[in-house]
Amino acid sequence: MAALLEDFAAILRSGRLTMGPYLERFEQEFAACVGTEHAVGMHSGTAPLEVALRYWGVEGGEVVVPTNTFIASSNAALLAGGHPVLCDIDPQTLSSGLPQIEAQVGEKTRAVVAVHIAGLIAPDIEAIRSFCRARGLLLLEDAAHAHGASANGQLAGNLGDAAAFSFFPTKPLTTGEGGMLSTNDRDLADFARSFRTHGVSAKGRSLERLGNNYRLPELSAALGLRQLARLAEHTAERNRLATCYRDAFTRLGCGEVLLPEFSGRVHAYYKFPVRLPAGKRREWVVAQLREHWGIEAGSVYWPPCHLTPFYQRELGYGLGDFPVAEEVLAQVVSLPIFPGLSDEAVEMVCCGLAEILAEAKGDCRGDK
């Protein structure tokens, strides 16, 4: 904390509150971390999604996006002038694998957005990448949940043509608000640096294109640098907590743990989703955890994108379009997982969930 406050003081003394040395250093260190040649900081996680799709020229074309994601993933296609085409999910990974993606690819498809839901990289990401390359499609990673995740030694952010990270306060790495584009494409990186500054050239000399103000402030970059230095430590702790959860679930039998562990994969464990037994309503379970145990739980995403009022009204989606997502996501609860959560707290969460599902009181706490 003291070091961060020193950074803030240095920035304020310099008078350089944006587009300064802290952002430059954050971009360089972030690129080195994920293994790409370029990283471009922006004011949100949505911005790099939109900018990458704009650069790729999706206007008038289609972008395939999982229905289980934060709405920003598909809205970015609309903001870039494209048309989001949603697809169903795998019931275990909660993301869209190659079978779900391939089913929605057509003549107008220009890009595929692979969302690393809850911090798990899709087990068939290599097949998705090969599929996209063979068809000349942009493979854009939505890595908003996946800071520190990897597949066979390659980190999220370096698995496709470009990737977008979010630094929202709840994410594994935060700058308060903010985001990052990572890519090995120099032209895309130059385009992104120009677009984030109203379309002015990367060297700041002339207006090259229509752009916007998507800049990441220096104070945010300073916070990001401090967070980045601890990313590996925090990822390891999230994985340790996930093991504690899995062990407790095996003992207590309180639901189905999703996000299987795959060989060669490191999870980021942004969320720890579990599937409730049939007949147990997610909303009721979440309310019981809060009321009787003081535990804040949530969903992965509910409703899925295709059941939001805007997508039903404007894009014609409706109930029954993606039955796997509708069935599974209605039964999913995400349990607390973050560095600083104690083993005792994990045990309490699982104990509370087990009692609620059994509709009993005091079984775990010994106060029947």
Protein backbone atom coordinates (compact mmCIF):
# COMPACT_ATOMS: atom_id res chain seq x y z
CA MET A 1 0.00 0.00 0.00
CA ALA A 2 2.79 2.42 0.91
CA ALA A 3 4.52 1.81 -2.43
CA LEU A 4 1.29 2.44 -4.32
CA LEU A 5 0.72 5.69 -2.45
CA GLU A 6 4.23 6.75 -3.40
CA ASP A 7 3.37 6.04 -7.03
CA PHE A 8 0.22 8.13 -6.77
CA ALA A 9 2.14 10.99 -5.17
CA ALA A 10 4.77 10.89 -7.92
CA ILE A 11 2.08 11.03 -10.60
CA LEU A 12 0.32 13.95 -8.96
CA ARG A 13 3.59 15.84 -8.54
CA SER A 14 4.45 15.29 -12.20
CA GLY A 15 1.15 16.69 -13.43
CA ARG A 16 1.08 13.92 -16.07
CA LEU A 17 -2.23 12.23 -15.28
CA THR A 18 -2.73 10.39 -18.57
CA MET A 19 -0.66 8.81 -21.36
CA GLY A 20 2.50 8.91 -19.26
CA PRO A 21 5.34 6.62 -18.15
CA TYR A 22 3.23 4.45 -15.82
CA LEU A 23 0.92 3.44 -18.68
CA GLU A 24 3.87 2.76 -20.95
CA ARG A 25 5.49 0.57 -18.32
CA PHE A 26 2.23 -1.22 -17.52
CA GLU A 27 1.72 -2.03 -21.20
CA GLN A 28 5.28 -3.32 -21.58
CA GLU A 29 5.13 -5.50 -18.48
CA PHE A 30 1.66 -6.82 -19.28
CA ALA A 31 2.77 -7.82 -22.79
CA ALA A 32 5.82 -9.56 -21.33
CA CYS A 33 3.62 -11.35 -18.81
CA VAL A 34 1.18 -12.82 -21.37
CA GLY A 35 3.90 -13.34 -23.99
CA THR A 36 2.70 -11.00 -26.72
CA GLU A 37 4.59 -8.30 -28.58
CA HIS A 38 2.08 -5.56 -27.83
CA ALA A 39 -0.37 -4.48 -25.13
CA VAL A 40 -2.54 -1.37 -25.27
CA GLY A 41 -4.24 -0.03 -22.14
CA MET A 42 -7.78 1.30 -22.39
CA HIS A 43 -10.50 2.63 -20.12
CA SER A 44 -12.59 -0.57 -20.00
CA GLY A 45 -12.60 -4.23 -20.95
CA THR A 46 -15.22 -3.56 -23.60
CA ALA A 47 -13.02 -1.09 -25.50
CA PRO A 48 -10.38 -3.61 -26.69
CA LEU A 49 -13.13 -5.95 -27.88
CA GLU A 50 -14.71 -3.20 -29.94
CA VAL A 51 -11.38 -1.87 -31.26
CA ALA A 52 -10.16 -5.31 -32.38
CA LEU A 53 -13.44 -5.98 -34.19
CA ARG A 54 -13.33 -2.54 -35.84
CA TYR A 55 -9.78 -3.15 -37.02
CA TRP A 56 -10.77 -6.53 -38.45
CA GLY A 57 -13.60 -4.91 -40.41
CA VAL A 58 -16.64 -6.75 -39.09
CA GLU A 59 -19.03 -3.98 -40.18
CA GLY A 60 -21.90 -5.63 -42.02
CA GLY A 61 -20.65 -9.08 -41.03
CA GLU A 62 -21.31 -11.52 -38.22
CA VAL A 63 -19.43 -12.24 -35.01
CA VAL A 64 -19.99 -15.54 -33.19
CA VAL A 65 -20.23 -15.07 -29.41
CA PRO A 66 -21.31 -17.44 -26.59
CA THR A 67 -24.67 -16.62 -25.06
CA ASN A 68 -23.11 -17.20 -21.62
CA THR A 69 -21.01 -14.08 -21.20
CA PHE A 70 -21.25 -10.55 -19.94
CA ILE A 71 -23.26 -8.58 -22.45
CA ALA A 72 -20.18 -6.49 -23.36
CA SER A 73 -18.76 -9.43 -25.34
CA SER A 74 -21.61 -9.35 -27.83
CA ASN A 75 -22.35 -5.63 -27.58
CA ALA A 76 -18.83 -4.99 -28.86
CA ALA A 77 -19.84 -6.53 -32.18
CA LEU A 78 -22.76 -4.10 -32.44
CA LEU A 79 -20.53 -1.15 -31.51
CA ALA A 80 -18.13 -2.18 -34.28
CA GLY A 81 -20.95 -2.30 -36.83
CA GLY A 82 -21.30 -6.07 -36.87
CA HIS A 83 -24.06 -8.50 -35.95
CA PRO A 84 -23.58 -10.79 -32.95
CA VAL A 85 -24.56 -14.40 -33.61
CA LEU A 86 -24.93 -16.20 -30.29
CA CYS A 87 -24.19 -19.85 -29.66
CA ASP A 88 -24.93 -22.46 -27.00
CA ILE A 89 -22.48 -23.75 -24.39
CA ASP A 90 -20.87 -26.92 -23.12
CA PRO A 91 -22.62 -27.89 -19.86
CA GLN A 92 -19.37 -28.66 -18.00
CA THR A 93 -17.14 -25.76 -19.03
CA LEU A 94 -19.98 -23.21 -19.40
CA SER A 95 -18.24 -21.83 -22.50
CA SER A 96 -18.66 -22.51 -26.19
CA GLY A 97 -16.40 -25.17 -27.66
CA LEU A 98 -15.76 -25.86 -31.33
CA PRO A 99 -19.03 -27.82 -31.91
CA GLN A 100 -21.15 -24.91 -30.64
CA ILE A 101 -19.10 -22.32 -32.54
CA GLU A 102 -18.92 -24.23 -35.81
CA ALA A 103 -22.70 -24.65 -35.85
CA GLN A 104 -23.13 -20.85 -36.03
CA VAL A 105 -20.43 -19.97 -38.56
CA GLY A 106 -21.76 -18.94 -41.95
CA GLU A 107 -20.84 -16.99 -45.08
CA LYS A 108 -21.07 -13.65 -43.29
CA THR A 109 -18.97 -14.65 -40.28
CA ARG A 110 -15.93 -12.43 -39.78
CA ALA A 111 -14.84 -13.21 -36.24
CA VAL A 112 -15.22 -15.59 -33.30
CA VAL A 113 -15.08 -14.43 -29.68
CA ALA A 114 -13.79 -17.15 -27.35
CA VAL A 115 -14.81 -16.35 -23.77
CA HIS A 116 -12.72 -17.89 -20.99
CA ILE A 117 -15.64 -18.18 -18.57
CA ALA A 118 -14.74 -18.04 -14.86
CA GLY A 119 -11.05 -18.22 -15.80
CA LEU A 120 -11.05 -21.56 -17.65
CA ILE A 121 -9.62 -21.63 -21.17
CA ALA A 122 -11.77 -23.85 -23.40
CA PRO A 123 -10.21 -27.34 -23.57
CA ASP A 124 -10.39 -27.28 -27.38
CA ILE A 125 -8.94 -23.79 -27.85
CA GLU A 126 -6.26 -25.15 -30.18
CA ALA A 127 -8.94 -26.69 -32.41
CA ILE A 128 -10.91 -23.43 -32.34
CA ARG A 129 -7.78 -21.54 -33.37
CA SER A 130 -7.09 -23.92 -36.27
CA PHE A 131 -10.70 -23.70 -37.38
CA CYS A 132 -10.61 -19.90 -37.43
CA ARG A 133 -7.30 -19.70 -39.24
CA ALA A 134 -8.45 -22.12 -41.93
CA ARG A 135 -11.44 -19.87 -42.62
CA GLY A 136 -9.71 -16.52 -42.27
CA LEU A 137 -11.70 -15.57 -39.17
CA LEU A 138 -10.46 -13.34 -36.37
CA LEU A 139 -10.11 -15.30 -33.13
CA LEU A 140 -10.63 -12.77 -30.36
CA GLU A 141 -10.14 -13.93 -26.77
CA ASP A 142 -12.41 -12.41 -24.18
CA ALA A 143 -10.00 -12.92 -21.31
CA ALA A 144 -11.87 -10.70 -18.84
CA HIS A 145 -11.90 -13.58 -16.32
CA ALA A 146 -8.63 -15.22 -17.26
CA HIS A 147 -5.68 -13.17 -15.98
CA GLY A 148 -2.99 -15.77 -15.20
CA ALA A 149 -4.77 -18.69 -16.88
CA SER A 150 -2.80 -20.77 -19.36
CA ALA A 151 -3.11 -23.65 -21.82
CA ASN A 152 -0.06 -25.85 -22.39
CA GLY A 153 2.24 -23.11 -21.20
CA GLN A 154 0.66 -20.31 -23.25
CA LEU A 155 -1.11 -17.66 -21.22
CA ALA A 156 -4.56 -16.32 -21.95
CA GLY A 157 -4.06 -13.27 -24.12
CA ASN A 158 -1.69 -15.07 -26.50
CA LEU A 159 -3.92 -17.82 -27.86
CA GLY A 160 -5.63 -16.04 -30.75
CA ASP A 161 -5.19 -12.99 -32.97
CA ALA A 162 -5.97 -10.60 -30.13
CA ALA A 163 -7.34 -10.60 -26.60
CA ALA A 164 -9.29 -8.27 -24.35
CA PHE A 165 -8.81 -8.10 -20.57
CA SER A 166 -11.01 -6.32 -18.06
CA PHE A 167 -9.66 -4.62 -14.94
CA PHE A 168 -13.03 -4.11 -13.24
CA PRO A 169 -12.78 -4.12 -9.40
CA THR A 170 -13.85 -7.77 -9.04
CA LYS A 171 -11.41 -9.16 -11.61
CA PRO A 172 -8.22 -11.11 -10.75
CA LEU A 173 -6.27 -7.97 -11.68
CA THR A 174 -7.87 -4.56 -11.23
CA THR A 175 -7.15 -0.94 -12.00
CA GLY A 176 -10.53 0.16 -10.62
CA GLU A 177 -11.87 0.47 -14.14
CA GLY A 178 -9.89 -0.33 -17.26
CA GLY A 179 -8.86 -2.91 -19.80
CA MET A 180 -6.03 -4.11 -22.02
CA LEU A 181 -5.68 -5.31 -25.60
CA SER A 182 -2.92 -7.85 -26.19
CA THR A 183 -1.77 -8.92 -29.64
CA ASN A 184 1.21 -9.85 -31.81
CA ASP A 185 -0.17 -7.74 -34.67
CA ARG A 186 1.74 -4.43 -34.81
CA ASP A 187 -0.80 -2.84 -37.15
CA LEU A 188 -3.66 -3.68 -34.78
CA ALA A 189 -1.70 -2.26 -31.84
CA ASP A 190 -1.03 0.98 -33.76
CA PHE A 191 -4.71 1.18 -34.72
CA ALA A 192 -5.73 0.68 -31.09
CA ARG A 193 -3.36 3.37 -29.81
CA SER A 194 -4.75 5.77 -32.39
CA PHE A 195 -8.41 4.90 -31.83
CA ARG A 196 -8.17 5.27 -28.05
CA THR A 197 -7.00 8.87 -28.55
CA HIS A 198 -9.73 10.19 -30.87
CA GLY A 199 -8.06 8.71 -33.96
CA VAL A 200 -4.88 10.75 -33.68
CA SER A 201 -1.81 8.96 -35.06
CA ALA A 202 0.28 6.93 -32.64
CA LYS A 203 2.93 9.65 -32.75
CA GLY A 204 0.30 12.27 -31.95
CA ARG A 205 0.81 14.35 -35.07
CA SER A 206 -2.38 14.13 -37.10
CA LEU A 207 -5.96 12.86 -37.12
CA GLU A 208 -5.96 9.60 -39.08
CA ARG A 209 -9.41 8.18 -38.40
CA LEU A 210 -12.54 8.60 -36.33
CA GLY A 211 -11.76 7.49 -32.79
CA ASN A 212 -12.84 7.95 -29.21
CA ASN A 213 -11.43 8.67 -25.76
CA TYR A 214 -10.59 5.21 -24.46
CA ARG A 215 -7.47 6.21 -22.52
CA LEU A 216 -6.36 4.54 -19.27
CA PRO A 217 -5.26 7.14 -16.65
CA GLU A 218 -1.83 7.06 -15.02
CA LEU A 219 -3.24 6.40 -11.54
CA SER A 220 -5.02 3.33 -12.88
CA ALA A 221 -1.87 2.13 -14.63
CA ALA A 222 0.11 2.49 -11.40
CA LEU A 223 -2.44 0.32 -9.57
CA GLY A 224 -2.31 -2.19 -12.42
CA LEU A 225 1.47 -2.45 -12.18
CA ARG A 226 1.30 -3.28 -8.48
CA GLN A 227 -1.43 -5.86 -9.15
CA LEU A 228 0.50 -7.41 -12.04
CA ALA A 229 3.50 -8.00 -9.79
CA ARG A 230 1.35 -10.26 -7.61
CA LEU A 231 -0.67 -11.98 -10.35
CA ALA A 232 1.21 -15.31 -10.20
CA GLU A 233 0.91 -15.37 -6.40
CA HIS A 234 -2.81 -14.61 -6.55
CA THR A 235 -3.43 -17.21 -9.28
CA ALA A 236 -1.72 -19.87 -7.19
CA GLU A 237 -3.85 -18.93 -4.17
CA ARG A 238 -7.06 -19.09 -6.18
CA ASN A 239 -6.09 -22.58 -7.36
CA ARG A 240 -5.32 -23.65 -3.79
CA LEU A 241 -8.73 -22.41 -2.65
CA ALA A 242 -10.36 -24.27 -5.54
CA THR A 243 -8.73 -27.48 -4.29
CA CYS A 244 -10.15 -26.79 -0.83
CA TYR A 245 -13.59 -26.37 -2.37
CA ARG A 246 -13.29 -29.60 -4.37
CA ASP A 247 -12.22 -31.54 -1.28
CA ALA A 248 -15.14 -30.14 0.73
CA PHE A 249 -17.62 -30.94 -2.02
CA THR A 250 -16.38 -34.52 -2.15
CA ARG A 251 -16.97 -34.88 1.61
CA LEU A 252 -20.28 -33.02 1.85
CA GLY A 253 -21.91 -33.76 -1.51
CA CYS A 254 -23.35 -30.28 -1.93
CA GLY A 255 -23.69 -29.93 -5.68
CA GLU A 256 -21.76 -30.61 -8.86
CA VAL A 257 -18.44 -28.81 -9.28
CA LEU A 258 -18.15 -27.43 -12.80
CA LEU A 259 -14.98 -26.32 -14.63
CA PRO A 260 -13.22 -29.70 -14.81
CA GLU A 261 -9.46 -29.76 -14.36
CA PHE A 262 -7.79 -30.47 -17.69
CA SER A 263 -4.21 -31.59 -18.21
CA GLY A 264 -1.96 -28.72 -19.26
CA ARG A 265 -4.42 -26.07 -18.09
CA VAL A 266 -4.01 -23.52 -15.31
CA HIS A 267 -7.32 -21.97 -14.22
CA ALA A 268 -7.62 -18.37 -13.12
CA TYR A 269 -10.64 -19.25 -10.94
CA TYR A 270 -12.24 -15.84 -11.19
CA LYS A 271 -15.40 -17.64 -10.12
CA PHE A 272 -16.12 -21.05 -8.59
CA PRO A 273 -19.38 -22.19 -10.20
CA VAL A 274 -21.35 -25.23 -9.01
CA ARG A 275 -24.50 -26.77 -10.40
CA LEU A 276 -27.31 -27.31 -7.93
CA PRO A 277 -29.31 -30.54 -7.85
CA ALA A 278 -32.45 -30.64 -9.96
CA GLY A 279 -35.38 -28.91 -8.32
CA LYS A 280 -33.29 -26.46 -6.29
CA ARG A 281 -33.88 -22.87 -7.39
CA ARG A 282 -30.77 -20.76 -7.69
CA GLU A 283 -32.44 -17.58 -6.40
CA TRP A 284 -33.71 -19.35 -3.28
CA VAL A 285 -30.33 -20.92 -2.50
CA VAL A 286 -28.51 -17.60 -2.92
CA ALA A 287 -31.03 -15.89 -0.62
CA GLN A 288 -30.66 -18.64 2.01
CA LEU A 289 -26.87 -18.37 1.95
CA ARG A 290 -27.09 -14.64 2.50
CA GLU A 291 -29.82 -14.69 5.15
CA HIS A 292 -28.70 -17.61 7.29
CA TRP A 293 -24.96 -17.74 6.72
CA GLY A 294 -23.95 -14.23 5.66
CA ILE A 295 -22.46 -15.61 2.46
CA GLU A 296 -22.65 -13.62 -0.78
CA ALA A 297 -22.99 -15.93 -3.78
CA GLY A 298 -24.06 -15.16 -7.33
CA SER A 299 -24.42 -16.60 -10.81
CA VAL A 300 -22.03 -16.97 -13.70
CA TYR A 301 -24.33 -14.91 -15.88
CA TRP A 302 -28.09 -14.82 -15.69
CA PRO A 303 -29.97 -14.29 -17.86
CA PRO A 304 -27.82 -15.40 -20.78
CA CYS A 305 -27.47 -12.80 -23.53
CA HIS A 306 -30.23 -14.21 -25.72
CA LEU A 307 -32.81 -13.81 -22.93
CA THR A 308 -32.09 -10.13 -22.24
CA PRO A 309 -34.92 -7.80 -23.28
CA PHE A 310 -32.75 -5.88 -25.76
CA TYR A 311 -31.55 -8.99 -27.61
CA GLN A 312 -35.03 -10.42 -27.74
CA ARG A 313 -36.50 -7.17 -29.00
CA GLU A 314 -33.77 -6.06 -31.40
CA LEU A 315 -32.18 -9.33 -32.56
CA GLY A 316 -35.13 -11.70 -32.38
CA TYR A 317 -33.80 -14.16 -29.82
CA GLY A 318 -36.13 -15.94 -27.42
CA LEU A 319 -36.72 -18.70 -24.92
CA GLY A 320 -35.70 -22.11 -26.25
CA ASP A 321 -33.01 -20.86 -28.66
CA PHE A 322 -30.13 -22.27 -26.59
CA PRO A 323 -31.54 -25.00 -24.37
CA VAL A 324 -28.28 -26.13 -22.77
CA ALA A 325 -27.46 -22.63 -21.55
CA GLU A 326 -31.02 -22.06 -20.34
CA GLU A 327 -31.14 -25.31 -18.36
CA VAL A 328 -27.65 -25.27 -16.88
CA LEU A 329 -27.22 -21.58 -16.06
CA ALA A 330 -30.52 -21.51 -14.17
CA GLN A 331 -28.99 -24.06 -11.78
CA VAL A 332 -25.51 -22.51 -11.37
CA VAL A 333 -24.34 -20.69 -8.25
CA SER A 334 -20.91 -19.06 -8.05
CA LEU A 335 -19.29 -19.31 -4.63
CA PRO A 336 -16.82 -16.78 -3.17
CA ILE A 337 -13.20 -17.23 -4.22
CA PHE A 338 -10.49 -14.62 -3.85
CA PRO A 339 -7.02 -14.24 -2.30
CA GLY A 340 -7.46 -13.70 1.41
CA LEU A 341 -10.37 -16.11 1.74
CA SER A 342 -9.53 -18.54 4.54
CA ASP A 343 -9.79 -22.32 4.49
CA GLU A 344 -12.28 -22.01 7.35
CA ALA A 345 -14.43 -19.71 5.24
CA VAL A 346 -14.41 -22.22 2.37
CA GLU A 347 -15.52 -24.93 4.78
CA MET A 348 -18.30 -22.69 6.09
CA VAL A 349 -19.54 -21.90 2.58
CA CYS A 350 -19.70 -25.58 1.65
CA CYS A 351 -21.28 -26.51 4.98
CA GLY A 352 -23.91 -23.84 4.57
CA LEU A 353 -24.70 -24.93 1.04
CA ALA A 354 -24.95 -28.58 2.11
CA GLU A 355 -27.40 -27.73 4.89
CA ILE A 356 -29.53 -25.55 2.64
CA LEU A 357 -29.73 -28.23 -0.03
CA ALA A 358 -30.69 -30.77 2.62
CA GLU A 359 -33.20 -28.23 4.00
CA ALA A 360 -31.82 -29.02 7.47
CA LYS A 361 -30.45 -26.77 10.20
CA GLY A 362 -27.25 -27.17 12.20
CA ASP A 363 -25.91 -30.40 10.63
CA CYS A 364 -22.48 -28.90 10.00
CA ARG A 365 -22.34 -26.50 12.91
CA GLY A 366 -23.33 -29.08 15.49
CA ASP A 367 -26.19 -26.98 16.92
CA LYS A 368 -29.20 -29.12 16.07
